[in-house]
PDB file of N, CA and C in Angstrom:
ATOM      1  N   MET A   1      90.471 107.156  74.824  1.00  0.00           N
ATOM      2  CA  MET A   1      91.902 107.243  75.012  1.00  0.00           C
ATOM      3  C   MET A   1      92.393 108.517  74.341  1.00  0.00           C
ATOM      4  N   SER A   2      93.207 109.259  75.056  1.00  0.00           N
ATOM      5  CA  SER A   2      93.736 110.485  74.480  1.00  0.00           C
ATOM      6  C   SER A   2      94.886 110.170  73.532  1.00  0.00           C
ATOM      7  N   SER A   3      95.254 111.164  72.706  1.00  0.00           N
ATOM      8  CA  SER A   3      96.305 110.939  71.716  1.00  0.00           C
ATOM      9  C   SER A   3      97.670 110.707  72.354  1.00  0.00           C
ATOM     10  N   GLY A   4      97.864 111.096  73.605  1.00  0.00           N
ATOM     11  CA  GLY A   4      99.147 110.930  74.265  1.00  0.00           C
ATOM     12  C   GLY A   4      99.339 109.555  74.891  1.00  0.00           C
ATOM     13  N   GLU A   5      98.251 108.784  75.016  1.00  0.00           N
ATOM     14  CA  GLU A   5      98.354 107.463  75.631  1.00  0.00           C
ATOM     15  C   GLU A   5      98.756 106.425  74.595  1.00  0.00           C
ATOM     16  N   THR A   6      99.455 105.438  75.070  1.00  0.00           N
ATOM     17  CA  THR A   6      99.820 104.349  74.171  1.00  0.00           C
ATOM     18  C   THR A   6      99.116 103.078  74.609  1.00  0.00           C
ATOM     19  N   THR A   7      98.908 102.208  73.674  1.00  0.00           N
ATOM     20  CA  THR A   7      98.280 100.930  73.931  1.00  0.00           C
ATOM     21  C   THR A   7      99.328  99.839  73.793  1.00  0.00           C
ATOM     22  N   PRO A   8      99.387  98.918  74.752  1.00  0.00           N
ATOM     23  CA  PRO A   8     100.340  97.823  74.566  1.00  0.00           C
ATOM     24  C   PRO A   8      99.950  96.994  73.349  1.00  0.00           C
ATOM     25  N   TRP A   9     100.961  96.434  72.705  1.00  0.00           N
ATOM     26  CA  TRP A   9     100.671  95.581  71.553  1.00  0.00           C
ATOM     27  C   TRP A   9      99.812  94.407  71.989  1.00  0.00           C
ATOM     28  N   PRO A  10      98.928  93.996  71.136  1.00  0.00           N
ATOM     29  CA  PRO A  10      98.165  92.784  71.469  1.00  0.00           C
ATOM     30  C   PRO A  10      99.130  91.599  71.555  1.00  0.00           C
ATOM     31  N   VAL A  11      98.857  90.679  72.465  1.00  0.00           N
ATOM     32  CA  VAL A  11      99.742  89.534  72.632  1.00  0.00           C
ATOM     33  C   VAL A  11      99.852  88.749  71.331  1.00  0.00           C
ATOM     34  N   ASP A  12      98.805  88.710  70.533  1.00  0.00           N
ATOM     35  CA  ASP A  12      98.869  87.994  69.263  1.00  0.00           C
ATOM     36  C   ASP A  12      99.964  88.568  68.366  1.00  0.00           C
ATOM     37  N   GLU A  13     100.089  89.887  68.318  1.00  0.00           N
ATOM     38  CA  GLU A  13     101.120  90.510  67.486  1.00  0.00           C
ATOM     39  C   GLU A  13     102.508  90.171  68.011  1.00  0.00           C
ATOM     40  N   GLU A  14     102.675  90.215  69.323  1.00  0.00           N
ATOM     41  CA  GLU A  14     103.977  89.881  69.895  1.00  0.00           C
ATOM     42  C   GLU A  14     104.324  88.420  69.639  1.00  0.00           C
ATOM     43  N   LEU A  15     103.337  87.546  69.705  1.00  0.00           N
ATOM     44  CA  LEU A  15     103.608  86.141  69.409  1.00  0.00           C
ATOM     45  C   LEU A  15     103.959  85.944  67.938  1.00  0.00           C
ATOM     46  N   LEU A  16     103.325  86.694  67.060  1.00  0.00           N
ATOM     47  CA  LEU A  16     103.681  86.617  65.641  1.00  0.00           C
ATOM     48  C   LEU A  16     105.114  87.090  65.413  1.00  0.00           C
ATOM     49  N   LEU A  17     105.495  88.168  66.084  1.00  0.00           N
ATOM     50  CA  LEU A  17     106.869  88.653  65.958  1.00  0.00           C
ATOM     51  C   LEU A  17     107.863  87.651  66.544  1.00  0.00           C
ATOM     52  N   LEU A  18     107.489  86.995  67.637  1.00  0.00           N
ATOM     53  CA  LEU A  18     108.353  85.969  68.210  1.00  0.00           C
ATOM     54  C   LEU A  18     108.485  84.790  67.247  1.00  0.00           C
ATOM     55  N   ALA A  19     107.382  84.380  66.620  1.00  0.00           N
ATOM     56  CA  ALA A  19     107.439  83.300  65.633  1.00  0.00           C
ATOM     57  C   ALA A  19     108.356  83.686  64.475  1.00  0.00           C
ATOM     58  N   ALA A  20     108.261  84.933  64.016  1.00  0.00           N
ATOM     59  CA  ALA A  20     109.146  85.392  62.942  1.00  0.00           C
ATOM     60  C   ALA A  20     110.604  85.345  63.391  1.00  0.00           C
ATOM     61  N   TYR A  21     110.874  85.742  64.627  1.00  0.00           N
ATOM     62  CA  TYR A  21     112.237  85.683  65.169  1.00  0.00           C
ATOM     63  C   TYR A  21     112.733  84.243  65.194  1.00  0.00           C
ATOM     64  N   LEU A  22     111.896  83.331  65.662  1.00  0.00           N
ATOM     65  CA  LEU A  22     112.309  81.932  65.742  1.00  0.00           C
ATOM     66  C   LEU A  22     112.565  81.340  64.364  1.00  0.00           C
ATOM     67  N   LEU A  23     111.705  81.666  63.421  1.00  0.00           N
ATOM     68  CA  LEU A  23     111.895  81.158  62.057  1.00  0.00           C
ATOM     69  C   LEU A  23     113.165  81.713  61.431  1.00  0.00           C
ATOM     70  N   SER A  24     113.377  83.015  61.561  1.00  0.00           N
ATOM     71  CA  SER A  24     114.589  83.598  60.980  1.00  0.00           C
ATOM     72  C   SER A  24     115.829  83.091  61.709  1.00  0.00           C
ATOM     73  N   SER A  25     115.711  82.833  63.007  1.00  0.00           N
ATOM     74  CA  SER A  25     116.831  82.254  63.749  1.00  0.00           C
ATOM     75  C   SER A  25     117.129  80.850  63.244  1.00  0.00           C
ATOM     76  N   GLY A  26     116.072  80.073  63.028  1.00  0.00           N
ATOM     77  CA  GLY A  26     116.258  78.728  62.499  1.00  0.00           C
ATOM     78  C   GLY A  26     116.975  78.753  61.166  1.00  0.00           C
ATOM     79  N   ARG A  27     116.601  79.677  60.323  1.00  0.00           N
ATOM     80  CA  ARG A  27     117.258  79.794  59.019  1.00  0.00           C
ATOM     81  C   ARG A  27     118.707  80.221  59.180  1.00  0.00           C
ATOM     82  N   GLY A  28     118.942  81.168  60.059  1.00  0.00           N
ATOM     83  CA  GLY A  28     120.299  81.646  60.286  1.00  0.00           C
ATOM     84  C   GLY A  28     121.212  80.559  60.817  1.00  0.00           C
ATOM     85  N   LEU A  29     120.653  79.646  61.613  1.00  0.00           N
ATOM     86  CA  LEU A  29     121.468  78.599  62.204  1.00  0.00           C
ATOM     87  C   LEU A  29     122.083  77.668  61.161  1.00  0.00           C
ATOM     88  N   LEU A  30     121.492  77.624  59.991  1.00  0.00           N
ATOM     89  CA  LEU A  30     122.050  76.768  58.942  1.00  0.00           C
ATOM     90  C   LEU A  30     123.419  77.252  58.496  1.00  0.00           C
ATOM     91  N   ASP A  31     123.666  78.559  58.618  1.00  0.00           N
ATOM     92  CA  ASP A  31     124.918  79.141  58.141  1.00  0.00           C
ATOM     93  C   ASP A  31     125.776  79.719  59.262  1.00  0.00           C
ATOM     94  N   GLU A  32     125.316  79.672  60.506  1.00  0.00           N
ATOM     95  CA  GLU A  32     126.026  80.271  61.627  1.00  0.00           C
ATOM     96  C   GLU A  32     126.787  79.204  62.420  1.00  0.00           C
ATOM     97  N   PRO A  33     127.725  79.631  63.247  1.00  0.00           N
ATOM     98  CA  PRO A  33     128.420  78.679  64.113  1.00  0.00           C
ATOM     99  C   PRO A  33     127.445  77.949  65.033  1.00  0.00           C
ATOM    100  N   GLN A  34     127.758  76.718  65.374  1.00  0.00           N
ATOM    101  CA  GLN A  34     126.891  75.885  66.205  1.00  0.00           C
ATOM    102  C   GLN A  34     126.561  76.550  67.540  1.00  0.00           C
ATOM    103  N   GLN A  35     127.481  77.296  68.102  1.00  0.00           N
ATOM    104  CA  GLN A  35     127.297  77.936  69.409  1.00  0.00           C
ATOM    105  C   GLN A  35     126.155  78.960  69.403  1.00  0.00           C
ATOM    106  N   TYR A  36     125.778  79.476  68.242  1.00  0.00           N
ATOM    107  CA  TYR A  36     124.724  80.488  68.176  1.00  0.00           C
ATOM    108  C   TYR A  36     123.363  79.931  68.594  1.00  0.00           C
ATOM    109  N   GLY A  37     123.120  78.651  68.363  1.00  0.00           N
ATOM    110  CA  GLY A  37     121.818  78.054  68.672  1.00  0.00           C
ATOM    111  C   GLY A  37     121.381  78.276  70.105  1.00  0.00           C
ATOM    112  N   PRO A  38     122.210  77.917  71.088  1.00  0.00           N
ATOM    113  CA  PRO A  38     121.804  78.142  72.475  1.00  0.00           C
ATOM    114  C   PRO A  38     121.568  79.621  72.791  1.00  0.00           C
ATOM    115  N   PHE A  39     122.371  80.508  72.208  1.00  0.00           N
ATOM    116  CA  PHE A  39     122.167  81.938  72.455  1.00  0.00           C
ATOM    117  C   PHE A  39     120.808  82.394  71.914  1.00  0.00           C
ATOM    118  N   ARG A  40     120.438  81.899  70.764  1.00  0.00           N
ATOM    119  CA  ARG A  40     119.135  82.273  70.197  1.00  0.00           C
ATOM    120  C   ARG A  40     117.994  81.737  71.056  1.00  0.00           C
ATOM    121  N   CYS A  41     118.152  80.533  71.596  1.00  0.00           N
ATOM    122  CA  CYS A  41     117.123  79.983  72.486  1.00  0.00           C
ATOM    123  C   CYS A  41     117.014  80.797  73.772  1.00  0.00           C
ATOM    124  N   ILE A  42     118.159  81.186  74.332  1.00  0.00           N
ATOM    125  CA  ILE A  42     118.157  82.027  75.535  1.00  0.00           C
ATOM    126  C   ILE A  42     117.451  83.346  75.231  1.00  0.00           C
ATOM    127  N   ASP A  43     117.738  83.946  74.086  1.00  0.00           N
ATOM    128  CA  ASP A  43     117.108  85.208  73.729  1.00  0.00           C
ATOM    129  C   ASP A  43     115.603  85.038  73.532  1.00  0.00           C
ATOM    130  N   ALA A  44     115.172  83.941  72.923  1.00  0.00           N
ATOM    131  CA  ALA A  44     113.737  83.706  72.742  1.00  0.00           C
ATOM    132  C   ALA A  44     113.047  83.564  74.098  1.00  0.00           C
ATOM    133  N   ALA A  45     113.664  82.828  75.027  1.00  0.00           N
ATOM    134  CA  ALA A  45     113.092  82.695  76.368  1.00  0.00           C
ATOM    135  C   ALA A  45     113.016  84.053  77.052  1.00  0.00           C
ATOM    136  N   ARG A  46     114.059  84.839  76.903  1.00  0.00           N
ATOM    137  CA  ARG A  46     114.069  86.195  77.474  1.00  0.00           C
ATOM    138  C   ARG A  46     112.915  87.008  76.922  1.00  0.00           C
ATOM    139  N   ARG A  47     112.687  86.929  75.622  1.00  0.00           N
ATOM    140  CA  ARG A  47     111.599  87.680  74.998  1.00  0.00           C
ATOM    141  C   ARG A  47     110.237  87.245  75.524  1.00  0.00           C
ATOM    142  N   VAL A  48     110.051  85.952  75.726  1.00  0.00           N
ATOM    143  CA  VAL A  48     108.780  85.451  76.274  1.00  0.00           C
ATOM    144  C   VAL A  48     108.569  85.988  77.689  1.00  0.00           C
ATOM    145  N   LEU A  49     109.618  85.971  78.510  1.00  0.00           N
ATOM    146  CA  LEU A  49     109.475  86.478  79.873  1.00  0.00           C
ATOM    147  C   LEU A  49     109.179  87.969  79.886  1.00  0.00           C
ATOM    148  N   VAL A  50     109.736  88.717  78.952  1.00  0.00           N
ATOM    149  CA  VAL A  50     109.409  90.141  78.835  1.00  0.00           C
ATOM    150  C   VAL A  50     107.933  90.308  78.472  1.00  0.00           C
ATOM    151  N   MET A  51     107.435  89.482  77.548  1.00  0.00           N
ATOM    152  CA  MET A  51     106.016  89.550  77.184  1.00  0.00           C
ATOM    153  C   MET A  51     105.134  89.276  78.397  1.00  0.00           C
ATOM    154  N   LEU A  52     105.488  88.273  79.188  1.00  0.00           N
ATOM    155  CA  LEU A  52     104.710  87.959  80.384  1.00  0.00           C
ATOM    156  C   LEU A  52     104.727  89.127  81.359  1.00  0.00           C
ATOM    157  N   ARG A  53     105.921  89.692  81.585  1.00  0.00           N
ATOM    158  CA  ARG A  53     106.041  90.851  82.486  1.00  0.00           C
ATOM    159  C   ARG A  53     105.175  92.002  81.993  1.00  0.00           C
ATOM    160  N   ASP A  54     105.239  92.271  80.689  1.00  0.00           N
ATOM    161  CA  ASP A  54     104.458  93.373  80.127  1.00  0.00           C
ATOM    162  C   ASP A  54     102.961  93.124  80.180  1.00  0.00           C
ATOM    163  N   ARG A  55     102.563  91.876  80.347  1.00  0.00           N
ATOM    164  CA  ARG A  55     101.154  91.523  80.455  1.00  0.00           C
ATOM    165  C   ARG A  55     100.686  91.481  81.906  1.00  0.00           C
ATOM    166  N   GLY A  56     101.565  91.859  82.823  1.00  0.00           N
ATOM    167  CA  GLY A  56     101.166  91.950  84.221  1.00  0.00           C
ATOM    168  C   GLY A  56     101.440  90.708  85.039  1.00  0.00           C
ATOM    169  N   VAL A  57     102.153  89.739  84.496  1.00  0.00           N
ATOM    170  CA  VAL A  57     102.516  88.573  85.288  1.00  0.00           C
ATOM    171  C   VAL A  57     103.664  88.995  86.202  1.00  0.00           C
ATOM    172  N   ALA A  58     103.335  89.224  87.453  1.00  0.00           N
ATOM    173  CA  ALA A  58     104.314  89.706  88.424  1.00  0.00           C
ATOM    174  C   ALA A  58     104.664  88.573  89.370  1.00  0.00           C
ATOM    175  N   HIS A  59     105.909  88.140  89.302  1.00  0.00           N
ATOM    176  CA  HIS A  59     106.391  87.080  90.175  1.00  0.00           C
ATOM    177  C   HIS A  59     107.881  87.329  90.391  1.00  0.00           C
ATOM    178  N   GLU A  60     108.278  87.437  91.628  1.00  0.00           N
ATOM    179  CA  GLU A  60     109.648  87.836  91.954  1.00  0.00           C
ATOM    180  C   GLU A  60     110.698  86.905  91.338  1.00  0.00           C
ATOM    181  N   GLU A  61     110.516  85.603  91.453  1.00  0.00           N
ATOM    182  CA  GLU A  61     111.509  84.664  90.925  1.00  0.00           C
ATOM    183  C   GLU A  61     111.509  84.674  89.402  1.00  0.00           C
ATOM    184  N   LEU A  62     110.342  84.824  88.786  1.00  0.00           N
ATOM    185  CA  LEU A  62     110.267  84.921  87.325  1.00  0.00           C
ATOM    186  C   LEU A  62     111.013  86.165  86.844  1.00  0.00           C
ATOM    187  N   ALA A  63     110.834  87.264  87.543  1.00  0.00           N
ATOM    188  CA  ALA A  63     111.548  88.499  87.203  1.00  0.00           C
ATOM    189  C   ALA A  63     113.058  88.314  87.381  1.00  0.00           C
ATOM    190  N   SER A  64     113.454  87.559  88.385  1.00  0.00           N
ATOM    191  CA  SER A  64     114.868  87.305  88.620  1.00  0.00           C
ATOM    192  C   SER A  64     115.479  86.470  87.490  1.00  0.00           C
ATOM    193  N   VAL A  65     114.753  85.468  87.020  1.00  0.00           N
ATOM    194  CA  VAL A  65     115.235  84.657  85.898  1.00  0.00           C
ATOM    195  C   VAL A  65     115.330  85.520  84.646  1.00  0.00           C
ATOM    196  N   GLN A  66     114.326  86.365  84.418  1.00  0.00           N
ATOM    197  CA  GLN A  66     114.336  87.239  83.242  1.00  0.00           C
ATOM    198  C   GLN A  66     115.539  88.183  83.296  1.00  0.00           C
ATOM    199  N   LYS A  67     115.836  88.714  84.478  1.00  0.00           N
ATOM    200  CA  LYS A  67     117.007  89.588  84.626  1.00  0.00           C
ATOM    201  C   LYS A  67     118.298  88.819  84.379  1.00  0.00           C
ATOM    202  N   GLN A  68     118.367  87.589  84.854  1.00  0.00           N
ATOM    203  CA  GLN A  68     119.552  86.770  84.626  1.00  0.00           C
ATOM    204  C   GLN A  68     119.772  86.563  83.125  1.00  0.00           C
ATOM    205  N   LEU A  69     118.688  86.327  82.388  1.00  0.00           N
ATOM    206  CA  LEU A  69     118.797  86.164  80.936  1.00  0.00           C
ATOM    207  C   LEU A  69     119.194  87.478  80.270  1.00  0.00           C
ATOM    208  N   GLU A  70     118.614  88.590  80.735  1.00  0.00           N
ATOM    209  CA  GLU A  70     118.975  89.915  80.206  1.00  0.00           C
ATOM    210  C   GLU A  70     120.465  90.179  80.409  1.00  0.00           C
ATOM    211  N   ASP A  71     120.934  89.922  81.624  1.00  0.00           N
ATOM    212  CA  ASP A  71     122.349  90.157  81.931  1.00  0.00           C
ATOM    213  C   ASP A  71     123.240  89.302  81.045  1.00  0.00           C
ATOM    214  N   PHE A  72     122.845  88.061  80.828  1.00  0.00           N
ATOM    215  CA  PHE A  72     123.639  87.165  79.992  1.00  0.00           C
ATOM    216  C   PHE A  72     123.682  87.652  78.550  1.00  0.00           C
ATOM    217  N   MET A  73     122.531  88.040  78.018  1.00  0.00           N
ATOM    218  CA  MET A  73     122.446  88.434  76.610  1.00  0.00           C
ATOM    219  C   MET A  73     122.984  89.842  76.360  1.00  0.00           C
ATOM    220  N   CYS A  74     122.797  90.738  77.313  1.00  0.00           N
ATOM    221  CA  CYS A  74     123.126  92.147  77.072  1.00  0.00           C
ATOM    222  C   CYS A  74     124.323  92.635  77.884  1.00  0.00           C
ATOM    223  N   GLY A  75     124.860  91.785  78.734  1.00  0.00           N
ATOM    224  CA  GLY A  75     125.981  92.184  79.576  1.00  0.00           C
ATOM    225  C   GLY A  75     127.295  92.168  78.824  1.00  0.00           C
ATOM    226  N   PRO A  76     128.372  92.381  79.539  1.00  0.00           N
ATOM    227  CA  PRO A  76     129.697  92.391  78.906  1.00  0.00           C
ATOM    228  C   PRO A  76     130.002  91.050  78.253  1.00  0.00           C
ATOM    229  N   MET A  77     130.689  91.125  77.138  1.00  0.00           N
ATOM    230  CA  MET A  77     131.073  89.921  76.412  1.00  0.00           C
ATOM    231  C   MET A  77     132.323  89.330  77.060  1.00  0.00           C
ATOM    232  N   THR A  78     132.111  88.422  77.975  1.00  0.00           N
ATOM    233  CA  THR A  78     133.210  87.752  78.653  1.00  0.00           C
ATOM    234  C   THR A  78     133.076  86.253  78.404  1.00  0.00           C
ATOM    235  N   PRO A  79     134.159  85.521  78.540  1.00  0.00           N
ATOM    236  CA  PRO A  79     134.052  84.067  78.379  1.00  0.00           C
ATOM    237  C   PRO A  79     133.062  83.501  79.406  1.00  0.00           C
ATOM    238  N   ARG A  80     132.189  82.623  78.943  1.00  0.00           N
ATOM    239  CA  ARG A  80     131.162  82.062  79.821  1.00  0.00           C
ATOM    240  C   ARG A  80     131.103  80.555  79.626  1.00  0.00           C
ATOM    241  N   ASP A  81     130.686  79.879  80.675  1.00  0.00           N
ATOM    242  CA  ASP A  81     130.466  78.444  80.611  1.00  0.00           C
ATOM    243  C   ASP A  81     128.992  78.252  80.252  1.00  0.00           C
ATOM    244  N   LEU A  82     128.706  78.160  78.962  1.00  0.00           N
ATOM    245  CA  LEU A  82     127.329  78.096  78.484  1.00  0.00           C
ATOM    246  C   LEU A  82     126.579  76.887  79.034  1.00  0.00           C
ATOM    247  N   PRO A  83     127.145  75.674  79.020  1.00  0.00           N
ATOM    248  CA  PRO A  83     126.409  74.539  79.599  1.00  0.00           C
ATOM    249  C   PRO A  83     126.064  74.758  81.076  1.00  0.00           C
ATOM    250  N   ALA A  84     126.994  75.289  81.853  1.00  0.00           N
ATOM    251  CA  ALA A  84     126.724  75.528  83.279  1.00  0.00           C
ATOM    252  C   ALA A  84     125.640  76.590  83.447  1.00  0.00           C
ATOM    253  N   PHE A  85     125.686  77.646  82.635  1.00  0.00           N
ATOM    254  CA  PHE A  85     124.658  78.688  82.709  1.00  0.00           C
ATOM    255  C   PHE A  85     123.285  78.099  82.411  1.00  0.00           C
ATOM    256  N   LEU A  86     123.182  77.335  81.336  1.00  0.00           N
ATOM    257  CA  LEU A  86     121.895  76.740  80.966  1.00  0.00           C
ATOM    258  C   LEU A  86     121.420  75.742  82.018  1.00  0.00           C
ATOM    259  N   ASP A  87     122.329  74.949  82.590  1.00  0.00           N
ATOM    260  CA  ASP A  87     121.945  74.025  83.666  1.00  0.00           C
ATOM    261  C   ASP A  87     121.359  74.790  84.846  1.00  0.00           C
ATOM    262  N   GLU A  88     122.024  75.895  85.219  1.00  0.00           N
ATOM    263  CA  GLU A  88     121.534  76.697  86.349  1.00  0.00           C
ATOM    264  C   GLU A  88     120.163  77.300  86.055  1.00  0.00           C
ATOM    265  N   VAL A  89     120.010  77.921  84.893  1.00  0.00           N
ATOM    266  CA  VAL A  89     118.736  78.571  84.568  1.00  0.00           C
ATOM    267  C   VAL A  89     117.619  77.532  84.425  1.00  0.00           C
ATOM    268  N   CYS A  90     117.906  76.417  83.776  1.00  0.00           N
ATOM    269  CA  CYS A  90     116.890  75.365  83.641  1.00  0.00           C
ATOM    270  C   CYS A  90     116.469  74.833  85.010  1.00  0.00           C
ATOM    271  N   GLY A  91     117.446  74.652  85.898  1.00  0.00           N
ATOM    272  CA  GLY A  91     117.130  74.204  87.246  1.00  0.00           C
ATOM    273  C   GLY A  91     116.266  75.206  87.989  1.00  0.00           C
ATOM    274  N   ARG A  92     116.638  76.471  87.914  1.00  0.00           N
ATOM    275  CA  ARG A  92     115.837  77.530  88.562  1.00  0.00           C
ATOM    276  C   ARG A  92     114.423  77.555  88.010  1.00  0.00           C
ATOM    277  N   PHE A  93     114.309  77.445  86.691  1.00  0.00           N
ATOM    278  CA  PHE A  93     113.000  77.534  86.056  1.00  0.00           C
ATOM    279  C   PHE A  93     112.142  76.322  86.407  1.00  0.00           C
ATOM    280  N   THR A  94     112.753  75.153  86.488  1.00  0.00           N
ATOM    281  CA  THR A  94     112.018  73.945  86.874  1.00  0.00           C
ATOM    282  C   THR A  94     111.454  74.088  88.279  1.00  0.00           C
ATOM    283  N   VAL A  95     112.281  74.537  89.218  1.00  0.00           N
ATOM    284  CA  VAL A  95     111.832  74.741  90.596  1.00  0.00           C
ATOM    285  C   VAL A  95     110.745  75.814  90.631  1.00  0.00           C
ATOM    286  N   LEU A  96     110.928  76.881  89.874  1.00  0.00           N
ATOM    287  CA  LEU A  96     109.938  77.955  89.817  1.00  0.00           C
ATOM    288  C   LEU A  96     108.585  77.415  89.375  1.00  0.00           C
ATOM    289  N   LEU A  97     108.563  76.653  88.297  1.00  0.00           N
ATOM    290  CA  LEU A  97     107.299  76.124  87.795  1.00  0.00           C
ATOM    291  C   LEU A  97     106.697  75.098  88.751  1.00  0.00           C
ATOM    292  N   ARG A  98     107.550  74.296  89.368  1.00  0.00           N
ATOM    293  CA  ARG A  98     107.056  73.276  90.303  1.00  0.00           C
ATOM    294  C   ARG A  98     106.466  73.907  91.564  1.00  0.00           C
ATOM    295  N   ASP A  99     107.120  74.949  92.081  1.00  0.00           N
ATOM    296  CA  ASP A  99     106.763  75.494  93.385  1.00  0.00           C
ATOM    297  C   ASP A  99     105.848  76.711  93.337  1.00  0.00           C
ATOM    298  N   SER A 100     105.461  77.166  92.164  1.00  0.00           N
ATOM    299  CA  SER A 100     104.622  78.363  92.080  1.00  0.00           C
ATOM    300  C   SER A 100     103.242  78.000  91.548  1.00  0.00           C
ATOM    301  N   ASP A 101     102.412  79.021  91.483  1.00  0.00           N
ATOM    302  CA  ASP A 101     101.074  78.835  90.909  1.00  0.00           C
ATOM    303  C   ASP A 101     101.010  79.407  89.490  1.00  0.00           C
ATOM    304  N   LEU A 102     102.155  79.500  88.820  1.00  0.00           N
ATOM    305  CA  LEU A 102     102.199  80.091  87.488  1.00  0.00           C
ATOM    306  C   LEU A 102     101.602  79.184  86.417  1.00  0.00           C
ATOM    307  N   ILE A 103     101.599  77.886  86.658  1.00  0.00           N
ATOM    308  CA  ILE A 103     101.016  76.959  85.683  1.00  0.00           C
ATOM    309  C   ILE A 103      99.992  76.080  86.388  1.00  0.00           C
ATOM    310  N   GLN A 104      99.072  75.524  85.592  1.00  0.00           N
ATOM    311  CA  GLN A 104      98.063  74.619  86.146  1.00  0.00           C
ATOM    312  C   GLN A 104      98.712  73.292  86.500  1.00  0.00           C
ATOM    313  N   ARG A 105      98.273  72.708  87.562  1.00  0.00           N
ATOM    314  CA  ARG A 105      98.817  71.421  88.001  1.00  0.00           C
ATOM    315  C   ARG A 105      98.118  70.246  87.311  1.00  0.00           C
ATOM    316  N   THR A 106      96.902  70.482  86.856  1.00  0.00           N
ATOM    317  CA  THR A 106      96.152  69.421  86.183  1.00  0.00           C
ATOM    318  C   THR A 106      95.743  69.907  84.811  1.00  0.00           C
ATOM    319  N   ALA A 107      95.526  68.978  83.918  1.00  0.00           N
ATOM    320  CA  ALA A 107      95.086  69.341  82.574  1.00  0.00           C
ATOM    321  C   ALA A 107      93.680  69.903  82.630  1.00  0.00           C
ATOM    322  N   PRO A 108      93.398  70.944  81.831  1.00  0.00           N
ATOM    323  CA  PRO A 108      92.040  71.488  81.807  1.00  0.00           C
ATOM    324  C   PRO A 108      91.081  70.463  81.230  1.00  0.00           C
ATOM    325  N   ALA A 109      89.850  70.524  81.698  1.00  0.00           N
ATOM    326  CA  ALA A 109      88.819  69.616  81.204  1.00  0.00           C
ATOM    327  C   ALA A 109      88.557  69.901  79.721  1.00  0.00           C
ATOM    328  N   VAL A 110      88.354  68.844  78.977  1.00  0.00           N
ATOM    329  CA  VAL A 110      88.077  68.957  77.550  1.00  0.00           C
ATOM    330  C   VAL A 110      86.576  68.856  77.352  1.00  0.00           C
ATOM    331  N   ALA A 111      86.036  69.866  76.658  1.00  0.00           N
ATOM    332  CA  ALA A 111      84.595  69.849  76.378  1.00  0.00           C
ATOM    333  C   ALA A 111      84.309  68.740  75.377  1.00  0.00           C
ATOM    334  N   GLY A 112      83.312  67.998  75.616  1.00  0.00           N
ATOM    335  CA  GLY A 112      83.066  66.885  74.714  1.00  0.00           C
ATOM    336  C   GLY A 112      81.704  66.797  74.312  1.00  0.00           C
TER     337      GLY A 112
END
């Protein structure tokens, strides 16, 4: 590898950083307004979808959900119906997982 090339972070490092984010978010929630909790969960989900995208998981509907989360978190600060937004995204994600090949349909065999 030449000095000008970059290497993507190992997924283990990104997961460690995500764990640190979740832990610090959990701590922050003790002193923050109750409404912050759902926003932190939305941001954590957004971060996971970015990690998947960066790892080459290419799926049009998954990318669309990730963009919807990006727009929500990084878009203009306007009044929003948070329960309705979460209901919509959860519904989309449920259908995505049910109708795609992104997850295994059966449990993997356990070596015994």
